[in-house]
Amino acid sequence: MDIEHLSEKELVELNRKIVERLKLLEKARLNGDMMRFSQGDRVVFEPETGTLVKGTLVKFNTKTVRILTDDGDTWNVSPRFLRRLNKPASERKKGKVIPMPSQ
């Protein structure tokens, strides 16, 4: 793409459009990362300390998810850093279904 011929005004407008597009792509990627999880999922992540932290996903925020750790702490973590420890909540059995007797 040759931008040498663009004026300052055109370059500023092009920059605005590029930044807008990059934000849209980041939001789409973040939404995709979040869609992999559900509230109640057991997850693990590794903070900068290097020690694995296990917990339960309890809330979705705009850019992060809130994790209640097994130690009782809470962390707000980008979903791209999480790994699931079990089946997704939507696939877990909620309990035994007992059929109603027919009359």
PDB file of N, CA and C in Angstrom:
ATOM      1  N   MET A   1       0.850  -1.169   0.000  1.00  0.00           N
ATOM      2  CA  MET A   1       0.000   0.000   0.000  1.00  0.00           C
ATOM      3  C   MET A   1       0.900   1.238   0.000  1.00  0.00           C
ATOM      4  N   ASP A   2       0.728   2.066  -0.965  1.00  0.00           N
ATOM      5  CA  ASP A   2       1.524   3.283  -1.093  1.00  0.00           C
ATOM      6  C   ASP A   2       0.798   4.432  -0.397  1.00  0.00           C
ATOM      7  N   ILE A   3       1.391   4.962   0.664  1.00  0.00           N
ATOM      8  CA  ILE A   3       0.768   6.057   1.404  1.00  0.00           C
ATOM      9  C   ILE A   3       1.532   7.369   1.235  1.00  0.00           C
ATOM     10  N   GLU A   4       2.561   7.363   0.410  1.00  0.00           N
ATOM     11  CA  GLU A   4       3.396   8.546   0.219  1.00  0.00           C
ATOM     12  C   GLU A   4       2.615   9.732  -0.326  1.00  0.00           C
ATOM     13  N   HIS A   5       1.592   9.493  -1.084  1.00  0.00           N
ATOM     14  CA  HIS A   5       0.832  10.577  -1.719  1.00  0.00           C
ATOM     15  C   HIS A   5      -0.275  11.135  -0.814  1.00  0.00           C
ATOM     16  N   LEU A   6      -0.523  10.524   0.339  1.00  0.00           N
ATOM     17  CA  LEU A   6      -1.613  10.966   1.215  1.00  0.00           C
ATOM     18  C   LEU A   6      -1.238  12.228   1.982  1.00  0.00           C
ATOM     19  N   SER A   7      -2.227  13.078   2.166  1.00  0.00           N
ATOM     20  CA  SER A   7      -2.024  14.296   2.951  1.00  0.00           C
ATOM     21  C   SER A   7      -2.042  13.960   4.436  1.00  0.00           C
ATOM     22  N   GLU A   8      -1.697  14.916   5.272  1.00  0.00           N
ATOM     23  CA  GLU A   8      -1.731  14.700   6.713  1.00  0.00           C
ATOM     24  C   GLU A   8      -3.143  14.361   7.176  1.00  0.00           C
ATOM     25  N   LYS A   9      -4.123  15.076   6.648  1.00  0.00           N
ATOM     26  CA  LYS A   9      -5.522  14.818   7.008  1.00  0.00           C
ATOM     27  C   LYS A   9      -5.925  13.395   6.624  1.00  0.00           C
ATOM     28  N   GLU A  10      -5.530  12.953   5.447  1.00  0.00           N
ATOM     29  CA  GLU A  10      -5.853  11.603   4.992  1.00  0.00           C
ATOM     30  C   GLU A  10      -5.123  10.543   5.836  1.00  0.00           C
ATOM     31  N   LEU A  11      -3.886  10.841   6.226  1.00  0.00           N
ATOM     32  CA  LEU A  11      -3.142   9.908   7.073  1.00  0.00           C
ATOM     33  C   LEU A  11      -3.777   9.779   8.448  1.00  0.00           C
ATOM     34  N   VAL A  12      -4.248  10.891   9.013  1.00  0.00           N
ATOM     35  CA  VAL A  12      -4.924  10.852  10.306  1.00  0.00           C
ATOM     36  C   VAL A  12      -6.200  10.023  10.206  1.00  0.00           C
ATOM     37  N   GLU A  13      -6.949  10.207   9.139  1.00  0.00           N
ATOM     38  CA  GLU A  13      -8.179   9.435   8.930  1.00  0.00           C
ATOM     39  C   GLU A  13      -7.869   7.950   8.747  1.00  0.00           C
ATOM     40  N   LEU A  14      -6.825   7.653   7.991  1.00  0.00           N
ATOM     41  CA  LEU A  14      -6.415   6.256   7.802  1.00  0.00           C
ATOM     42  C   LEU A  14      -6.010   5.640   9.142  1.00  0.00           C
ATOM     43  N   ASN A  15      -5.267   6.389   9.940  1.00  0.00           N
ATOM     44  CA  ASN A  15      -4.866   5.907  11.266  1.00  0.00           C
ATOM     45  C   ASN A  15      -6.085   5.621  12.133  1.00  0.00           C
ATOM     46  N   ARG A  16      -7.070   6.507  12.120  1.00  0.00           N
ATOM     47  CA  ARG A  16      -8.297   6.301  12.900  1.00  0.00           C
ATOM     48  C   ARG A  16      -8.990   5.016  12.480  1.00  0.00           C
ATOM     49  N   LYS A  17      -9.069   4.775  11.178  1.00  0.00           N
ATOM     50  CA  LYS A  17      -9.723   3.562  10.671  1.00  0.00           C
ATOM     51  C   LYS A  17      -8.943   2.306  11.048  1.00  0.00           C
ATOM     52  N   ILE A  18      -7.622   2.389  11.015  1.00  0.00           N
ATOM     53  CA  ILE A  18      -6.788   1.236  11.378  1.00  0.00           C
ATOM     54  C   ILE A  18      -6.975   0.894  12.850  1.00  0.00           C
ATOM     55  N   VAL A  19      -6.934   1.906  13.714  1.00  0.00           N
ATOM     56  CA  VAL A  19      -7.106   1.682  15.147  1.00  0.00           C
ATOM     57  C   VAL A  19      -8.485   1.099  15.429  1.00  0.00           C
ATOM     58  N   GLU A  20      -9.513   1.626  14.765  1.00  0.00           N
ATOM     59  CA  GLU A  20     -10.880   1.115  14.935  1.00  0.00           C
ATOM     60  C   GLU A  20     -10.963  -0.351  14.531  1.00  0.00           C
ATOM     61  N   ARG A  21     -10.336  -0.700  13.426  1.00  0.00           N
ATOM     62  CA  ARG A  21     -10.362  -2.077  12.938  1.00  0.00           C
ATOM     63  C   ARG A  21      -9.610  -3.015  13.884  1.00  0.00           C
ATOM     64  N   LEU A  22      -8.464  -2.563  14.387  1.00  0.00           N
ATOM     65  CA  LEU A  22      -7.695  -3.374  15.329  1.00  0.00           C
ATOM     66  C   LEU A  22      -8.479  -3.625  16.610  1.00  0.00           C
ATOM     67  N   LYS A  23      -9.189  -2.620  17.096  1.00  0.00           N
ATOM     68  CA  LYS A  23     -10.015  -2.795  18.293  1.00  0.00           C
ATOM     69  C   LYS A  23     -11.132  -3.796  18.040  1.00  0.00           C
ATOM     70  N   LEU A  24     -11.741  -3.737  16.867  1.00  0.00           N
ATOM     71  CA  LEU A  24     -12.801  -4.673  16.508  1.00  0.00           C
ATOM     72  C   LEU A  24     -12.265  -6.106  16.456  1.00  0.00           C
ATOM     73  N   LEU A  25     -11.091  -6.292  15.857  1.00  0.00           N
ATOM     74  CA  LEU A  25     -10.496  -7.624  15.779  1.00  0.00           C
ATOM     75  C   LEU A  25     -10.153  -8.160  17.171  1.00  0.00           C
ATOM     76  N   GLU A  26      -9.632  -7.301  18.051  1.00  0.00           N
ATOM     77  CA  GLU A  26      -9.306  -7.709  19.406  1.00  0.00           C
ATOM     78  C   GLU A  26     -10.564  -8.116  20.171  1.00  0.00           C
ATOM     79  N   LYS A  27     -11.636  -7.336  19.993  1.00  0.00           N
ATOM     80  CA  LYS A  27     -12.894  -7.656  20.669  1.00  0.00           C
ATOM     81  C   LYS A  27     -13.446  -9.000  20.188  1.00  0.00           C
ATOM     82  N   ALA A  28     -13.365  -9.256  18.885  1.00  0.00           N
ATOM     83  CA  ALA A  28     -13.845 -10.527  18.340  1.00  0.00           C
ATOM     84  C   ALA A  28     -13.025 -11.689  18.887  1.00  0.00           C
ATOM     85  N   ARG A  29     -11.708 -11.520  18.977  1.00  0.00           N
ATOM     86  CA  ARG A  29     -10.848 -12.578  19.517  1.00  0.00           C
ATOM     87  C   ARG A  29     -11.171 -12.814  20.988  1.00  0.00           C
ATOM     88  N   LEU A  30     -11.365 -11.735  21.745  1.00  0.00           N
ATOM     89  CA  LEU A  30     -11.689 -11.852  23.162  1.00  0.00           C
ATOM     90  C   LEU A  30     -13.028 -12.558  23.358  1.00  0.00           C
ATOM     91  N   ASN A  31     -14.019 -12.207  22.549  1.00  0.00           N
ATOM     92  CA  ASN A  31     -15.322 -12.871  22.640  1.00  0.00           C
ATOM     93  C   ASN A  31     -15.197 -14.359  22.337  1.00  0.00           C
ATOM     94  N   GLY A  32     -14.387 -14.698  21.345  1.00  0.00           N
ATOM     95  CA  GLY A  32     -14.158 -16.108  21.022  1.00  0.00           C
ATOM     96  C   GLY A  32     -13.499 -16.851  22.168  1.00  0.00           C
ATOM     97  N   ASP A  33     -12.531 -16.182  22.809  1.00  0.00           N
ATOM     98  CA  ASP A  33     -11.870 -16.793  23.965  1.00  0.00           C
ATOM     99  C   ASP A  33     -12.864 -17.026  25.095  1.00  0.00           C
ATOM    100  N   MET A  34     -13.752 -16.055  25.324  1.00  0.00           N
ATOM    101  CA  MET A  34     -14.730 -16.177  26.415  1.00  0.00           C
ATOM    102  C   MET A  34     -15.773 -17.252  26.124  1.00  0.00           C
ATOM    103  N   MET A  35     -16.131 -17.411  24.860  1.00  0.00           N
ATOM    104  CA  MET A  35     -17.166 -18.382  24.495  1.00  0.00           C
ATOM    105  C   MET A  35     -16.744 -19.825  24.784  1.00  0.00           C
ATOM    106  N   ARG A  36     -15.464 -20.056  24.999  1.00  0.00           N
ATOM    107  CA  ARG A  36     -14.986 -21.411  25.316  1.00  0.00           C
ATOM    108  C   ARG A  36     -15.364 -21.826  26.727  1.00  0.00           C
ATOM    109  N   PHE A  37     -15.793 -20.864  27.552  1.00  0.00           N
ATOM    110  CA  PHE A  37     -16.035 -21.130  28.962  1.00  0.00           C
ATOM    111  C   PHE A  37     -17.456 -20.782  29.363  1.00  0.00           C
ATOM    112  N   SER A  38     -17.858 -21.340  30.506  1.00  0.00           N
ATOM    113  CA  SER A  38     -19.152 -21.041  31.120  1.00  0.00           C
ATOM    114  C   SER A  38     -18.928 -20.815  32.604  1.00  0.00           C
ATOM    115  N   GLN A  39     -19.871 -20.109  33.224  1.00  0.00           N
ATOM    116  CA  GLN A  39     -19.797 -19.961  34.673  1.00  0.00           C
ATOM    117  C   GLN A  39     -19.829 -21.344  35.297  1.00  0.00           C
ATOM    118  N   GLY A  40     -19.017 -21.541  36.308  1.00  0.00           N
ATOM    119  CA  GLY A  40     -18.952 -22.829  36.980  1.00  0.00           C
ATOM    120  C   GLY A  40     -17.856 -23.736  36.475  1.00  0.00           C
ATOM    121  N   ASP A  41     -17.238 -23.397  35.349  1.00  0.00           N
ATOM    122  CA  ASP A  41     -16.145 -24.225  34.839  1.00  0.00           C
ATOM    123  C   ASP A  41     -14.967 -24.184  35.801  1.00  0.00           C
ATOM    124  N   ARG A  42     -14.358 -25.343  35.990  1.00  0.00           N
ATOM    125  CA  ARG A  42     -13.116 -25.417  36.755  1.00  0.00           C
ATOM    126  C   ARG A  42     -11.976 -25.111  35.790  1.00  0.00           C
ATOM    127  N   VAL A  43     -11.093 -24.175  36.183  1.00  0.00           N
ATOM    128  CA  VAL A  43     -10.030 -23.722  35.303  1.00  0.00           C
ATOM    129  C   VAL A  43      -8.709 -23.665  36.056  1.00  0.00           C
ATOM    130  N   VAL A  44      -7.641 -23.546  35.285  1.00  0.00           N
ATOM    131  CA  VAL A  44      -6.308 -23.371  35.838  1.00  0.00           C
ATOM    132  C   VAL A  44      -5.601 -22.309  34.994  1.00  0.00           C
ATOM    133  N   PHE A  45      -4.759 -21.515  35.650  1.00  0.00           N
ATOM    134  CA  PHE A  45      -3.933 -20.542  34.942  1.00  0.00           C
ATOM    135  C   PHE A  45      -2.623 -20.389  35.699  1.00  0.00           C
ATOM    136  N   GLU A  46      -1.634 -19.809  35.009  1.00  0.00           N
ATOM    137  CA  GLU A  46      -0.321 -19.637  35.613  1.00  0.00           C
ATOM    138  C   GLU A  46       0.037 -18.158  35.619  1.00  0.00           C
ATOM    139  N   PRO A  47      -0.039 -17.511  36.792  1.00  0.00           N
ATOM    140  CA  PRO A  47       0.357 -16.103  36.865  1.00  0.00           C
ATOM    141  C   PRO A  47       1.876 -15.969  36.753  1.00  0.00           C
ATOM    142  N   GLU A  48       2.363 -14.752  36.795  1.00  0.00           N
ATOM    143  CA  GLU A  48       3.799 -14.502  36.638  1.00  0.00           C
ATOM    144  C   GLU A  48       4.642 -15.174  37.716  1.00  0.00           C
ATOM    145  N   THR A  49       4.026 -15.532  38.845  1.00  0.00           N
ATOM    146  CA  THR A  49       4.766 -16.209  39.913  1.00  0.00           C
ATOM    147  C   THR A  49       5.214 -17.598  39.490  1.00  0.00           C
ATOM    148  N   GLY A  50       4.558 -18.164  38.464  1.00  0.00           N
ATOM    149  CA  GLY A  50       4.932 -19.480  37.960  1.00  0.00           C
ATOM    150  C   GLY A  50       4.232 -20.633  38.640  1.00  0.00           C
ATOM    151  N   THR A  51       3.433 -20.361  39.662  1.00  0.00           N
ATOM    152  CA  THR A  51       2.703 -21.392  40.372  1.00  0.00           C
ATOM    153  C   THR A  51       1.307 -21.516  39.779  1.00  0.00           C
ATOM    154  N   LEU A  52       0.901 -22.732  39.409  1.00  0.00           N
ATOM    155  CA  LEU A  52      -0.429 -22.926  38.842  1.00  0.00           C
ATOM    156  C   LEU A  52      -1.501 -22.582  39.865  1.00  0.00           C
ATOM    157  N   VAL A  53      -2.532 -21.885  39.416  1.00  0.00           N
ATOM    158  CA  VAL A  53      -3.658 -21.509  40.271  1.00  0.00           C
ATOM    159  C   VAL A  53      -4.903 -22.186  39.720  1.00  0.00           C
ATOM    160  N   LYS A  54      -5.611 -22.926  40.580  1.00  0.00           N
ATOM    161  CA  LYS A  54      -6.850 -23.605  40.186  1.00  0.00           C
ATOM    162  C   LYS A  54      -8.022 -22.878  40.824  1.00  0.00           C
ATOM    163  N   GLY A  55      -9.148 -22.867  40.096  1.00  0.00           N
ATOM    164  CA  GLY A  55     -10.328 -22.232  40.651  1.00  0.00           C
ATOM    165  C   GLY A  55     -11.541 -22.455  39.785  1.00  0.00           C
ATOM    166  N   THR A  56     -12.593 -21.690  40.095  1.00  0.00           N
ATOM    167  CA  THR A  56     -13.876 -21.794  39.406  1.00  0.00           C
ATOM    168  C   THR A  56     -14.203 -20.453  38.782  1.00  0.00           C
ATOM    169  N   LEU A  57     -14.608 -20.472  37.520  1.00  0.00           N
ATOM    170  CA  LEU A  57     -15.020 -19.252  36.844  1.00  0.00           C
ATOM    171  C   LEU A  57     -16.370 -18.828  37.416  1.00  0.00           C
ATOM    172  N   VAL A  58     -16.431 -17.612  37.970  1.00  0.00           N
ATOM    173  CA  VAL A  58     -17.656 -17.181  38.630  1.00  0.00           C
ATOM    174  C   VAL A  58     -18.338 -16.006  37.940  1.00  0.00           C
ATOM    175  N   LYS A  59     -17.614 -15.265  37.071  1.00  0.00           N
ATOM    176  CA  LYS A  59     -18.235 -14.091  36.455  1.00  0.00           C
ATOM    177  C   LYS A  59     -17.499 -13.699  35.191  1.00  0.00           C
ATOM    178  N   PHE A  60     -18.267 -13.210  34.215  1.00  0.00           N
ATOM    179  CA  PHE A  60     -17.699 -12.642  32.996  1.00  0.00           C
ATOM    180  C   PHE A  60     -17.677 -11.125  33.121  1.00  0.00           C
ATOM    181  N   ASN A  61     -16.521 -10.519  32.920  1.00  0.00           N
ATOM    182  CA  ASN A  61     -16.388  -9.074  32.851  1.00  0.00           C
ATOM    183  C   ASN A  61     -16.251  -8.685  31.383  1.00  0.00           C
ATOM    184  N   THR A  62     -15.991  -7.419  31.113  1.00  0.00           N
ATOM    185  CA  THR A  62     -15.868  -6.965  29.729  1.00  0.00           C
ATOM    186  C   THR A  62     -14.690  -7.620  29.015  1.00  0.00           C
ATOM    187  N   LYS A  63     -13.513  -7.602  29.646  1.00  0.00           N
ATOM    188  CA  LYS A  63     -12.313  -8.150  29.014  1.00  0.00           C
ATOM    189  C   LYS A  63     -11.700  -9.318  29.778  1.00  0.00           C
ATOM    190  N   THR A  64     -12.199  -9.588  30.951  1.00  0.00           N
ATOM    191  CA  THR A  64     -11.640 -10.646  31.789  1.00  0.00           C
ATOM    192  C   THR A  64     -12.762 -11.500  32.359  1.00  0.00           C
ATOM    193  N   VAL A  65     -12.365 -12.569  33.016  1.00  0.00           N
ATOM    194  CA  VAL A  65     -13.317 -13.378  33.785  1.00  0.00           C
ATOM    195  C   VAL A  65     -12.826 -13.407  35.226  1.00  0.00           C
ATOM    196  N   ARG A  66     -13.761 -13.503  36.152  1.00  0.00           N
ATOM    197  CA  ARG A  66     -13.392 -13.571  37.566  1.00  0.00           C
ATOM    198  C   ARG A  66     -13.306 -15.032  37.966  1.00  0.00           C
ATOM    199  N   ILE A  67     -12.189 -15.353  38.607  1.00  0.00           N
ATOM    200  CA  ILE A  67     -11.930 -16.708  39.073  1.00  0.00           C
ATOM    201  C   ILE A  67     -11.888 -16.702  40.593  1.00  0.00           C
ATOM    202  N   LEU A  68     -12.651 -17.592  41.210  1.00  0.00           N
ATOM    203  CA  LEU A  68     -12.567 -17.826  42.645  1.00  0.00           C
ATOM    204  C   LEU A  68     -11.640 -19.016  42.820  1.00  0.00           C
ATOM    205  N   THR A  69     -10.478 -18.775  43.418  1.00  0.00           N
ATOM    206  CA  THR A  69      -9.480 -19.839  43.528  1.00  0.00           C
ATOM    207  C   THR A  69      -9.854 -20.810  44.642  1.00  0.00           C
ATOM    208  N   ASP A  70      -9.205 -21.949  44.611  1.00  0.00           N
ATOM    209  CA  ASP A  70      -9.425 -22.962  45.648  1.00  0.00           C
ATOM    210  C   ASP A  70      -8.979 -22.458  47.018  1.00  0.00           C
ATOM    211  N   ASP A  71      -8.111 -21.448  47.045  1.00  0.00           N
ATOM    212  CA  ASP A  71      -7.646 -20.848  48.300  1.00  0.00           C
ATOM    213  C   ASP A  71      -8.567 -19.737  48.789  1.00  0.00           C
ATOM    214  N   GLY A  72      -9.629 -19.419  48.027  1.00  0.00           N
ATOM    215  CA  GLY A  72     -10.568 -18.383  48.419  1.00  0.00           C
ATOM    216  C   GLY A  72     -10.241 -17.000  47.900  1.00  0.00           C
ATOM    217  N   ASP A  73      -9.170 -16.861  47.116  1.00  0.00           N
ATOM    218  CA  ASP A  73      -8.821 -15.580  46.514  1.00  0.00           C
ATOM    219  C   ASP A  73      -9.624 -15.380  45.230  1.00  0.00           C
ATOM    220  N   THR A  74      -9.709 -14.148  44.746  1.00  0.00           N
ATOM    221  CA  THR A  74     -10.329 -13.881  43.448  1.00  0.00           C
ATOM    222  C   THR A  74      -9.305 -13.239  42.535  1.00  0.00           C
ATOM    223  N   TRP A  75      -9.356 -13.629  41.283  1.00  0.00           N
ATOM    224  CA  TRP A  75      -8.484 -13.085  40.246  1.00  0.00           C
ATOM    225  C   TRP A  75      -9.347 -12.692  39.059  1.00  0.00           C
ATOM    226  N   ASN A  76      -9.000 -11.588  38.406  1.00  0.00           N
ATOM    227  CA  ASN A  76      -9.564 -11.239  37.114  1.00  0.00           C
ATOM    228  C   ASN A  76      -8.506 -11.588  36.075  1.00  0.00           C
ATOM    229  N   VAL A  77      -8.857 -12.512  35.175  1.00  0.00           N
ATOM    230  CA  VAL A  77      -7.883 -13.085  34.251  1.00  0.00           C
ATOM    231  C   VAL A  77      -8.430 -13.025  32.836  1.00  0.00           C
ATOM    232  N   SER A  78      -7.566 -12.706  31.885  1.00  0.00           N
ATOM    233  CA  SER A  78      -7.961 -12.792  30.483  1.00  0.00           C
ATOM    234  C   SER A  78      -8.231 -14.255  30.156  1.00  0.00           C
ATOM    235  N   PRO A  79      -9.323 -14.552  29.468  1.00  0.00           N
ATOM    236  CA  PRO A  79      -9.650 -15.959  29.187  1.00  0.00           C
ATOM    237  C   PRO A  79      -8.618 -16.665  28.316  1.00  0.00           C
ATOM    238  N   ARG A  80      -7.773 -15.926  27.625  1.00  0.00           N
ATOM    239  CA  ARG A  80      -6.765 -16.581  26.788  1.00  0.00           C
ATOM    240  C   ARG A  80      -5.702 -17.293  27.626  1.00  0.00           C
ATOM    241  N   PHE A  81      -5.619 -16.962  28.928  1.00  0.00           N
ATOM    242  CA  PHE A  81      -4.632 -17.588  29.801  1.00  0.00           C
ATOM    243  C   PHE A  81      -5.200 -18.779  30.573  1.00  0.00           C
ATOM    244  N   LEU A  82      -6.468 -19.104  30.346  1.00  0.00           N
ATOM    245  CA  LEU A  82      -7.121 -20.177  31.100  1.00  0.00           C
ATOM    246  C   LEU A  82      -7.114 -21.489  30.340  1.00  0.00           C
ATOM    247  N   ARG A  83      -7.050 -22.563  31.118  1.00  0.00           N
ATOM    248  CA  ARG A  83      -7.282 -23.905  30.592  1.00  0.00           C
ATOM    249  C   ARG A  83      -8.357 -24.540  31.451  1.00  0.00           C
ATOM    250  N   ARG A  84      -9.248 -25.293  30.831  1.00  0.00           N
ATOM    251  CA  ARG A  84     -10.334 -25.948  31.557  1.00  0.00           C
ATOM    252  C   ARG A  84      -9.808 -27.209  32.215  1.00  0.00           C
ATOM    253  N   LEU A  85     -10.274 -27.453  33.431  1.00  0.00           N
ATOM    254  CA  LEU A  85      -9.883 -28.659  34.170  1.00  0.00           C
ATOM    255  C   LEU A  85     -10.885 -29.792  34.009  1.00  0.00           C
ATOM    256  N   ASN A  86     -12.091 -29.485  33.550  1.00  0.00           N
ATOM    257  CA  ASN A  86     -13.134 -30.504  33.443  1.00  0.00           C
ATOM    258  C   ASN A  86     -13.983 -30.233  32.213  1.00  0.00           C
ATOM    259  N   LYS A  87     -15.029 -31.001  32.056  1.00  0.00           N
ATOM    260  CA  LYS A  87     -15.950 -30.777  30.942  1.00  0.00           C
ATOM    261  C   LYS A  87     -16.609 -29.413  31.092  1.00  0.00           C
ATOM    262  N   PRO A  88     -17.018 -28.802  29.975  1.00  0.00           N
ATOM    263  CA  PRO A  88     -17.762 -27.543  30.078  1.00  0.00           C
ATOM    264  C   PRO A  88     -19.016 -27.728  30.927  1.00  0.00           C
ATOM    265  N   ALA A  89     -19.410 -26.668  31.635  1.00  0.00           N
ATOM    266  CA  ALA A  89     -20.584 -26.732  32.518  1.00  0.00           C
ATOM    267  C   ALA A  89     -21.824 -27.186  31.754  1.00  0.00           C
ATOM    268  N   SER A  90     -21.937 -26.798  30.482  1.00  0.00           N
ATOM    269  CA  SER A  90     -23.113 -27.147  29.698  1.00  0.00           C
ATOM    270  C   SER A  90     -23.182 -28.642  29.388  1.00  0.00           C
ATOM    271  N   GLU A  91     -22.054 -29.348  29.492  1.00  0.00           N
ATOM    272  CA  GLU A  91     -22.027 -30.782  29.184  1.00  0.00           C
ATOM    273  C   GLU A  91     -22.093 -31.648  30.438  1.00  0.00           C
ATOM    274  N   ARG A  92     -21.992 -31.028  31.627  1.00  0.00           N
ATOM    275  CA  ARG A  92     -22.036 -31.805  32.862  1.00  0.00           C
ATOM    276  C   ARG A  92     -23.455 -32.196  33.184  1.00  0.00           C
ATOM    277  N   LYS A  93     -23.612 -33.390  33.747  1.00  0.00           N
ATOM    278  CA  LYS A  93     -24.936 -33.850  34.147  1.00  0.00           C
ATOM    279  C   LYS A  93     -25.352 -33.088  35.392  1.00  0.00           C
ATOM    280  N   LYS A  94     -26.573 -32.620  35.408  1.00  0.00           N
ATOM    281  CA  LYS A  94     -27.102 -31.860  36.538  1.00  0.00           C
ATOM    282  C   LYS A  94     -27.676 -32.772  37.607  1.00  0.00           C
ATOM    283  N   GLY A  95     -27.980 -33.993  37.268  1.00  0.00           N
ATOM    284  CA  GLY A  95     -28.580 -34.930  38.211  1.00  0.00           C
ATOM    285  C   GLY A  95     -29.300 -36.014  37.440  1.00  0.00           C
ATOM    286  N   LYS A  96     -29.738 -37.000  38.143  1.00  0.00           N
ATOM    287  CA  LYS A  96     -30.427 -38.110  37.514  1.00  0.00           C
ATOM    288  C   LYS A  96     -31.854 -37.699  37.180  1.00  0.00           C
ATOM    289  N   VAL A  97     -32.275 -38.009  35.964  1.00  0.00           N
ATOM    290  CA  VAL A  97     -33.639 -37.709  35.527  1.00  0.00           C
ATOM    291  C   VAL A  97     -34.519 -38.922  35.803  1.00  0.00           C
ATOM    292  N   ILE A  98     -35.591 -38.703  36.529  1.00  0.00           N
ATOM    293  CA  ILE A  98     -36.516 -39.783  36.847  1.00  0.00           C
ATOM    294  C   ILE A  98     -37.775 -39.589  36.013  1.00  0.00           C
ATOM    295  N   PRO A  99     -38.100 -40.553  35.156  1.00  0.00           N
ATOM    296  CA  PRO A  99     -39.282 -40.390  34.311  1.00  0.00           C
ATOM    297  C   PRO A  99     -40.564 -40.425  35.134  1.00  0.00           C
ATOM    298  N   MET A 100     -41.528 -39.640  34.703  1.00  0.00           N
ATOM    299  CA  MET A 100     -42.842 -39.602  35.370  1.00  0.00           C
ATOM    300  C   MET A 100     -43.625 -40.838  34.950  1.00  0.00           C
ATOM    301  N   PRO A 101     -44.320 -41.489  35.896  1.00  0.00           N
ATOM    302  CA  PRO A 101     -45.126 -42.667  35.520  1.00  0.00           C
ATOM    303  C   PRO A 101     -46.295 -42.233  34.633  1.00  0.00           C
ATOM    304  N   SER A 102     -46.604 -43.046  33.657  1.00  0.00           N
ATOM    305  CA  SER A 102     -47.733 -42.719  32.780  1.00  0.00           C
ATOM    306  C   SER A 102     -49.034 -43.154  33.459  1.00  0.00           C
ATOM    307  N   GLN A 103     -50.091 -42.406  33.187  1.00  0.00           N
ATOM    308  CA  GLN A 103     -51.388 -42.689  33.858  1.00  0.00           C
ATOM    309  C   GLN A 103     -52.341 -43.383  32.956  1.00  0.00           C
TER     310      GLN A 103
END
